[in-house]
Amino acid sequence: MKSAWIRIAMHAVFALIAAAGSHAAQAQTPAANEAVYQYKGADRDARLLEKARQEGSVSVYSSLAPTEAGPLVEAFEKKYGIKVQMWRGLSDGVVQRAVSEARGKRHAVDVIETNGPEMESLAREQLLSPFHSPYLADIPPAVIPKHGLWVPDRLNFFVVAFNPTKTRREELPKTYEGFLDPKWKGRVTLEATDAEWMGGLVKTWGETRGMNFFRKLAEMKPDVRKGHVLLVQLIASGEVDVGLSAYYANADSFKRRGAPVDWAPVEPVLARPQGIGVMRNAPHPHAGLLFADFMLSPRAQEMLAGMGRVPVSRAVKTDTSSMNYVMSDPAVVLDENDKWQQLWDKLFLSK
């Protein structure tokens, strides 16, 4: 009798394990995850938090700097009691890791947060899933990709950075074409990888006007340095007077720390979206969606603004909120990358 009871108990244990395994496998299927991502019931937030806490953790791949990722992760964990497993890398490394794992059917990541073109690349690989968030209402509809497979959570502006001890703000022209004045020869620097910036300006101005500007700029033989952070460092040290294609986040960060760096929105100001998306086969779909919610919420958007990043939410006001800018299209950036890279290399990198 005792052995019979043991057998019955063992069968019950195995049944529970099998059921749990079946539930976990189901939760990782695209269809099951999509139901989580698209749920809009009145109990949506409470249900999402409950299920996310049951999952216990969330895996995030991001290109955010450690000084940015650290405080955001800490704030999320403190608010929700859910552990964040963060893997950081350059944007192309984030894509390579996510794609490699997916092709190997190793579904380890829940959320991706990186540059717009790289997010678009992941969307084309069919690795992302559309999601609903109550905070989407705070984001300008024009900046959200029509397919909805990822959502911008911050912007990066190309601005003119300068050393105020060597260049007065009043000297700067209102548009980039003003830098063709001979007085700027030998004083301006470009970042070596900014073919995207050139493509954006040409599309804004039109082919004739845009290419005429860049050909004349190339004739001035501007200095070219690789690395956006390096560019601002050189400006701060006085080695470089003016950087035409600096990142706002870098320039403003140095300025906040008291370095001799300032920036100006010389038109046209090109904005690059950086975004967040949830994975189709996320192992923790509820926790992943909760993290995406958090990144789009006023709390995280205010934190990004405090770090010198440009929040995408209209609920957060910053010194860039009223800036006129042109949004680059990540899909076009991907499709036309070779064209603009070849032109850029020919004009500015060939000896």
Protein backbone atom coordinates (compact mmCIF):
# COMPACT_ATOMS: atom_id res chain seq x y z
CA MET A 1 0.00 0.00 0.00
CA LYS A 2 2.84 2.33 0.91
CA SER A 3 4.59 1.75 -2.44
CA ALA A 4 1.33 2.41 -4.28
CA TRP A 5 0.97 5.77 -2.54
CA ILE A 6 4.56 6.60 -3.45
CA ARG A 7 3.87 5.78 -7.08
CA ILE A 8 0.75 7.96 -7.06
CA ALA A 9 2.68 10.83 -5.48
CA MET A 10 5.52 10.51 -7.98
CA HIS A 11 3.06 10.53 -10.88
CA ALA A 12 1.50 13.70 -9.47
CA VAL A 13 4.92 15.38 -9.18
CA PHE A 14 5.85 14.45 -12.74
CA ALA A 15 2.48 15.74 -13.98
CA LEU A 16 3.04 19.08 -12.27
CA ILE A 17 6.55 19.36 -13.75
CA ALA A 18 5.26 18.53 -17.22
CA ALA A 19 2.45 21.07 -16.87
CA ALA A 20 4.87 23.74 -15.72
CA GLY A 21 7.19 22.97 -18.61
CA SER A 22 4.31 23.12 -21.04
CA HIS A 23 3.19 26.48 -19.61
CA ALA A 24 6.72 27.92 -19.87
CA ALA A 25 7.05 26.78 -23.46
CA GLN A 26 3.68 28.27 -24.32
CA ALA A 27 4.62 31.60 -22.70
CA GLN A 28 7.60 31.85 -25.03
CA THR A 29 5.69 31.39 -28.27
CA PRO A 30 5.09 34.50 -30.41
CA ALA A 31 1.31 34.04 -30.27
CA ALA A 32 1.22 33.78 -26.47
CA ASN A 33 3.59 36.72 -26.10
CA GLU A 34 1.58 38.84 -28.52
CA ALA A 35 -1.50 38.33 -26.35
CA VAL A 36 0.50 39.68 -23.40
CA TYR A 37 1.84 42.64 -25.37
CA GLN A 38 -1.54 43.68 -26.78
CA TYR A 39 -3.73 43.25 -23.69
CA LYS A 40 -5.69 46.46 -22.97
CA GLY A 41 -8.15 45.41 -20.26
CA ALA A 42 -8.96 47.67 -17.31
CA ASP A 43 -6.78 45.46 -15.07
CA ARG A 44 -3.86 45.66 -17.49
CA ASP A 45 -1.32 47.36 -15.19
CA ALA A 46 -2.09 45.28 -12.09
CA ARG A 47 -2.13 42.06 -14.09
CA LEU A 48 1.12 42.93 -15.83
CA LEU A 49 2.92 43.63 -12.56
CA GLU A 50 1.63 40.45 -10.93
CA LYS A 51 2.71 38.24 -13.83
CA ALA A 52 6.06 40.05 -14.16
CA ARG A 53 6.84 39.42 -10.49
CA GLN A 54 6.02 35.75 -11.03
CA GLU A 55 8.57 35.68 -13.85
CA GLY A 56 11.04 37.26 -11.47
CA SER A 57 13.54 38.83 -13.86
CA VAL A 58 13.96 40.55 -17.22
CA SER A 59 16.82 40.33 -19.71
CA VAL A 60 17.77 43.54 -21.53
CA TYR A 61 20.33 44.15 -24.27
CA SER A 62 21.21 47.83 -24.65
CA SER A 63 23.80 50.29 -25.93
CA LEU A 64 23.11 52.76 -23.11
CA ALA A 65 26.25 53.95 -21.35
CA PRO A 66 26.90 52.42 -17.88
CA THR A 67 26.29 55.82 -16.26
CA GLU A 68 22.81 55.81 -17.82
CA ALA A 69 21.90 52.14 -17.66
CA GLY A 70 22.90 51.78 -13.99
CA PRO A 71 20.52 54.37 -12.49
CA LEU A 72 17.64 53.29 -14.76
CA VAL A 73 18.03 49.64 -13.79
CA GLU A 74 18.26 50.56 -10.12
CA ALA A 75 15.08 52.66 -10.33
CA PHE A 76 13.19 49.85 -12.09
CA GLU A 77 14.29 47.18 -9.61
CA LYS A 78 13.45 49.39 -6.64
CA LYS A 79 9.98 50.20 -7.97
CA TYR A 80 8.93 46.74 -9.10
CA GLY A 81 11.12 44.27 -7.21
CA ILE A 82 12.14 42.56 -10.45
CA LYS A 83 15.78 41.79 -11.22
CA VAL A 84 17.23 43.21 -14.45
CA GLN A 85 19.88 41.20 -16.29
CA MET A 86 21.52 43.90 -18.43
CA TRP A 87 23.97 43.15 -21.23
CA ARG A 88 25.61 46.19 -22.75
CA GLY A 89 27.40 46.63 -26.05
CA LEU A 90 27.75 48.89 -29.06
CA SER A 91 24.61 49.03 -31.17
CA ASP A 92 25.95 46.69 -33.86
CA GLY A 93 27.04 44.24 -31.15
CA VAL A 94 23.55 44.28 -29.66
CA VAL A 95 22.11 43.34 -33.05
CA GLN A 96 24.69 40.63 -33.70
CA ARG A 97 24.09 39.00 -30.32
CA ALA A 98 20.30 39.07 -30.63
CA VAL A 99 20.28 37.73 -34.19
CA SER A 100 22.85 35.03 -33.45
CA GLU A 101 20.89 33.77 -30.46
CA ALA A 102 17.59 33.80 -32.34
CA ARG A 103 19.03 31.83 -35.27
CA GLY A 104 20.37 29.32 -32.78
CA LYS A 105 16.89 29.14 -31.23
CA ARG A 106 18.27 30.37 -27.93
CA HIS A 107 15.66 32.82 -26.74
CA ALA A 108 17.43 34.56 -23.87
CA VAL A 109 16.53 38.25 -24.22
CA ASP A 110 13.25 40.03 -23.51
CA VAL A 111 13.98 43.66 -24.44
CA ILE A 112 16.27 45.50 -26.87
CA GLU A 113 17.13 49.19 -26.44
CA THR A 114 19.50 50.78 -28.97
CA ASN A 115 19.86 53.03 -32.05
CA GLY A 116 16.98 53.39 -34.50
CA PRO A 117 18.64 51.83 -37.58
CA GLU A 118 19.68 48.82 -35.50
CA MET A 119 16.14 48.50 -34.10
CA GLU A 120 14.85 48.60 -37.67
CA SER A 121 17.31 45.86 -38.58
CA LEU A 122 15.93 43.65 -35.80
CA ALA A 123 12.39 44.39 -36.99
CA ARG A 124 13.34 43.17 -40.47
CA GLU A 125 14.71 40.01 -38.93
CA GLN A 126 11.20 39.51 -37.47
CA LEU A 127 12.54 39.36 -33.94
CA LEU A 128 10.34 42.09 -32.45
CA SER A 129 6.64 42.24 -31.67
CA PRO A 130 4.29 45.26 -31.57
CA PHE A 131 3.23 46.23 -28.06
CA HIS A 132 0.69 48.43 -26.33
CA SER A 133 1.68 50.85 -23.59
CA PRO A 134 -0.37 53.59 -21.94
CA TYR A 135 2.63 55.89 -22.44
CA LEU A 136 2.46 55.71 -26.23
CA ALA A 137 -0.06 58.55 -26.01
CA ASP A 138 2.76 60.86 -24.84
CA ILE A 139 4.93 60.17 -27.90
CA PRO A 140 4.51 62.18 -31.13
CA PRO A 141 2.87 59.76 -33.61
CA ALA A 142 5.15 60.97 -36.41
CA VAL A 143 8.26 59.50 -34.74
CA ILE A 144 6.80 56.00 -34.25
CA PRO A 145 7.48 53.58 -37.13
CA LYS A 146 4.28 52.66 -38.95
CA HIS A 147 4.85 48.96 -38.38
CA GLY A 148 4.94 49.54 -34.61
CA LEU A 149 7.60 46.90 -34.02
CA TRP A 150 9.65 49.27 -31.88
CA VAL A 151 9.12 52.67 -30.29
CA PRO A 152 11.56 55.60 -29.90
CA ASP A 153 12.39 56.26 -26.24
CA ARG A 154 15.04 58.97 -26.79
CA LEU A 155 16.46 61.12 -29.54
CA ASN A 156 20.00 62.07 -30.47
CA PHE A 157 20.53 65.43 -32.17
CA PHE A 158 23.41 66.30 -34.47
CA VAL A 159 24.47 69.78 -33.32
CA VAL A 160 27.41 72.13 -33.74
CA ALA A 161 29.70 71.93 -30.72
CA PHE A 162 32.33 74.58 -30.06
CA ASN A 163 34.87 75.82 -27.57
CA PRO A 164 33.54 79.19 -26.26
CA THR A 165 37.05 80.39 -25.42
CA LYS A 166 37.97 80.13 -29.11
CA THR A 167 34.65 80.69 -30.87
CA ARG A 168 31.87 83.04 -29.85
CA ARG A 169 28.28 81.84 -30.21
CA GLU A 170 27.51 85.02 -32.15
CA GLU A 171 30.01 83.93 -34.82
CA LEU A 172 28.12 80.76 -35.66
CA PRO A 173 25.95 80.85 -38.80
CA LYS A 174 22.24 80.05 -38.64
CA THR A 175 22.53 77.27 -41.22
CA TYR A 176 25.31 74.87 -42.14
CA GLU A 177 25.87 76.63 -45.44
CA GLY A 178 27.35 79.54 -43.49
CA PHE A 179 30.38 77.38 -42.69
CA LEU A 180 31.41 77.63 -46.35
CA ASP A 181 32.65 81.15 -45.60
CA PRO A 182 36.45 81.13 -46.04
CA LYS A 183 36.90 82.36 -42.45
CA TRP A 184 35.98 78.86 -41.24
CA LYS A 185 38.68 77.07 -43.22
CA GLY A 186 40.98 75.23 -40.83
CA ARG A 187 38.56 75.69 -37.92
CA VAL A 188 35.91 73.00 -38.49
CA THR A 189 36.01 69.26 -37.82
CA LEU A 190 33.78 66.35 -38.83
CA GLU A 191 33.28 62.99 -37.16
CA ALA A 192 34.53 60.25 -39.48
CA THR A 193 31.44 58.01 -39.42
CA ASP A 194 28.72 60.59 -40.08
CA ALA A 195 27.57 59.56 -43.56
CA GLU A 196 24.06 59.33 -42.06
CA TRP A 197 24.24 63.02 -41.14
CA MET A 198 25.20 63.93 -44.71
CA GLY A 199 22.35 61.83 -46.12
CA GLY A 200 19.85 63.48 -43.78
CA LEU A 201 20.91 67.01 -44.74
CA VAL A 202 20.86 66.23 -48.46
CA LYS A 203 17.36 64.77 -48.19
CA THR A 204 16.20 67.83 -46.27
CA TRP A 205 17.67 70.35 -48.72
CA GLY A 206 17.26 68.34 -51.90
CA GLU A 207 19.94 66.61 -53.97
CA THR A 208 21.24 69.67 -55.82
CA ARG A 209 21.52 72.05 -52.89
CA GLY A 210 22.67 69.37 -50.47
CA MET A 211 25.43 67.86 -52.60
CA ASN A 212 26.60 71.32 -53.63
CA PHE A 213 27.13 72.11 -49.93
CA PHE A 214 29.05 68.93 -49.18
CA ARG A 215 31.26 69.20 -52.26
CA LYS A 216 32.22 72.76 -51.28
CA LEU A 217 32.73 71.69 -47.67
CA ALA A 218 35.08 68.91 -48.85
CA GLU A 219 37.09 71.50 -50.83
CA MET A 220 37.76 73.27 -47.52
CA LYS A 221 39.46 70.07 -46.31
CA PRO A 222 37.95 69.94 -42.82
CA ASP A 223 39.73 67.95 -40.15
CA VAL A 224 38.17 64.49 -39.65
CA ARG A 225 38.31 62.60 -36.34
CA LYS A 226 36.79 59.25 -35.44
CA GLY A 227 34.65 59.07 -32.32
CA HIS A 228 31.89 61.42 -31.20
CA VAL A 229 33.12 61.49 -27.61
CA LEU A 230 36.67 62.11 -28.85
CA LEU A 231 35.43 65.00 -30.99
CA VAL A 232 33.97 66.76 -27.94
CA GLN A 233 37.06 65.99 -25.88
CA LEU A 234 39.22 67.67 -28.52
CA ILE A 235 36.92 70.69 -28.48
CA ALA A 236 37.20 70.88 -24.70
CA SER A 237 41.00 70.68 -24.86
CA GLY A 238 41.12 73.51 -27.43
CA GLU A 239 42.65 71.33 -30.15
CA VAL A 240 39.46 71.69 -32.19
CA ASP A 241 37.46 74.92 -32.55
CA VAL A 242 34.16 73.64 -33.93
CA GLY A 243 32.63 70.20 -34.55
CA LEU A 244 29.92 70.28 -37.21
CA SER A 245 28.41 66.88 -36.46
CA ALA A 246 28.63 66.47 -32.71
CA TYR A 247 26.09 64.53 -30.67
CA TYR A 248 24.00 66.78 -28.44
CA ALA A 249 24.21 64.28 -25.57
CA ASN A 250 28.02 64.37 -25.58
CA ALA A 251 28.33 68.14 -25.95
CA ASP A 252 25.73 68.88 -23.28
CA SER A 253 27.26 66.35 -20.89
CA PHE A 254 30.69 68.04 -21.11
CA LYS A 255 29.05 71.45 -20.73
CA ARG A 256 27.20 70.33 -17.57
CA ARG A 257 30.46 69.16 -16.06
CA GLY A 258 31.99 72.60 -16.55
CA ALA A 259 34.21 71.82 -19.54
CA PRO A 260 34.80 74.63 -22.08
CA VAL A 261 32.24 73.20 -24.50
CA ASP A 262 28.96 74.63 -25.73
CA TRP A 263 26.58 73.68 -28.53
CA ALA A 264 24.18 75.33 -30.95
CA PRO A 265 21.25 74.02 -33.06
CA VAL A 266 22.50 75.08 -36.49
CA GLU A 267 19.82 74.24 -39.04
CA PRO A 268 18.82 71.84 -40.30
CA VAL A 269 19.13 69.92 -37.03
CA LEU A 270 18.99 66.19 -37.75
CA ALA A 271 17.53 63.92 -35.08
CA ARG A 272 18.23 60.19 -34.88
CA PRO A 273 15.69 58.11 -32.95
CA GLN A 274 16.86 55.49 -30.48
CA GLY A 275 14.28 53.01 -29.39
CA ILE A 276 13.00 50.07 -27.41
CA GLY A 277 11.31 46.85 -28.47
CA VAL A 278 10.10 43.57 -26.99
CA MET A 279 11.13 40.22 -28.42
CA ARG A 280 8.64 37.90 -30.15
CA ASN A 281 10.07 34.91 -28.27
CA ALA A 282 10.81 36.67 -24.98
CA PRO A 283 11.16 34.19 -22.09
CA HIS A 284 9.76 36.81 -19.69
CA PRO A 285 7.13 38.67 -21.75
CA HIS A 286 5.36 40.34 -18.83
CA ALA A 287 8.58 41.60 -17.26
CA GLY A 288 9.81 42.68 -20.70
CA LEU A 289 6.68 44.70 -21.38
CA LEU A 290 6.84 46.21 -17.89
CA PHE A 291 10.42 47.34 -18.57
CA ALA A 292 9.34 48.91 -21.89
CA ASP A 293 6.51 50.67 -20.04
CA PHE A 294 8.99 51.99 -17.51
CA MET A 295 11.38 53.35 -20.15
CA LEU A 296 8.53 55.26 -21.82
CA SER A 297 7.08 56.53 -18.53
CA PRO A 298 7.62 60.12 -17.30
CA ARG A 299 9.88 58.78 -14.50
CA ALA A 300 12.44 57.21 -16.83
CA GLN A 301 12.07 59.96 -19.43
CA GLU A 302 12.88 62.57 -16.76
CA MET A 303 15.90 60.51 -15.70
CA LEU A 304 17.13 60.41 -19.30
CA ALA A 305 16.70 64.18 -19.54
CA GLY A 306 18.73 64.59 -16.35
CA MET A 307 21.52 62.57 -17.96
CA GLY A 308 21.64 64.89 -20.97
CA ARG A 309 19.61 62.62 -23.23
CA VAL A 310 16.65 63.93 -25.23
CA PRO A 311 13.45 62.26 -24.00
CA VAL A 312 10.86 61.47 -26.65
CA SER A 313 7.86 61.92 -24.35
CA ARG A 314 5.88 65.15 -24.61
CA ALA A 315 5.17 64.82 -20.90
CA VAL A 316 8.74 65.87 -20.11
CA LYS A 317 9.92 69.39 -20.94
CA THR A 318 13.60 70.15 -21.57
CA ASP A 319 15.72 72.87 -23.18
CA THR A 320 15.36 71.01 -26.48
CA SER A 321 11.55 70.70 -26.40
CA SER A 322 11.03 73.71 -28.66
CA MET A 323 13.90 72.92 -31.02
CA ASN A 324 13.12 72.59 -34.71
CA TYR A 325 14.51 69.37 -36.10
CA VAL A 326 14.22 66.90 -38.95
CA MET A 327 13.79 63.24 -38.02
CA SER A 328 15.92 60.74 -39.90
CA ASP A 329 14.11 57.62 -41.10
CA PRO A 330 15.91 54.49 -39.83
CA ALA A 331 14.44 52.42 -42.68
CA VAL A 332 15.89 54.81 -45.27
CA VAL A 333 19.20 54.91 -43.39
CA LEU A 334 19.41 51.13 -43.73
CA ASP A 335 18.33 51.03 -47.37
CA GLU A 336 20.66 53.81 -48.52
CA ASN A 337 23.62 53.20 -46.23
CA ASP A 338 25.98 52.07 -48.99
CA LYS A 339 25.14 55.05 -51.20
CA TRP A 340 25.87 57.68 -48.56
CA GLN A 341 28.87 55.83 -47.16
CA GLN A 342 30.54 55.72 -50.57
CA LEU A 343 29.90 59.43 -51.15
CA TRP A 344 31.15 60.30 -47.67
CA ASP A 345 34.30 58.25 -48.06
CA LYS A 346 35.02 59.82 -51.45
CA LEU A 347 34.54 63.37 -50.20
CA PHE A 348 36.10 63.27 -46.74
CA LEU A 349 38.11 60.09 -46.16
CA SER A 350 39.96 59.44 -49.42
CA LYS A 351 43.54 60.67 -49.53
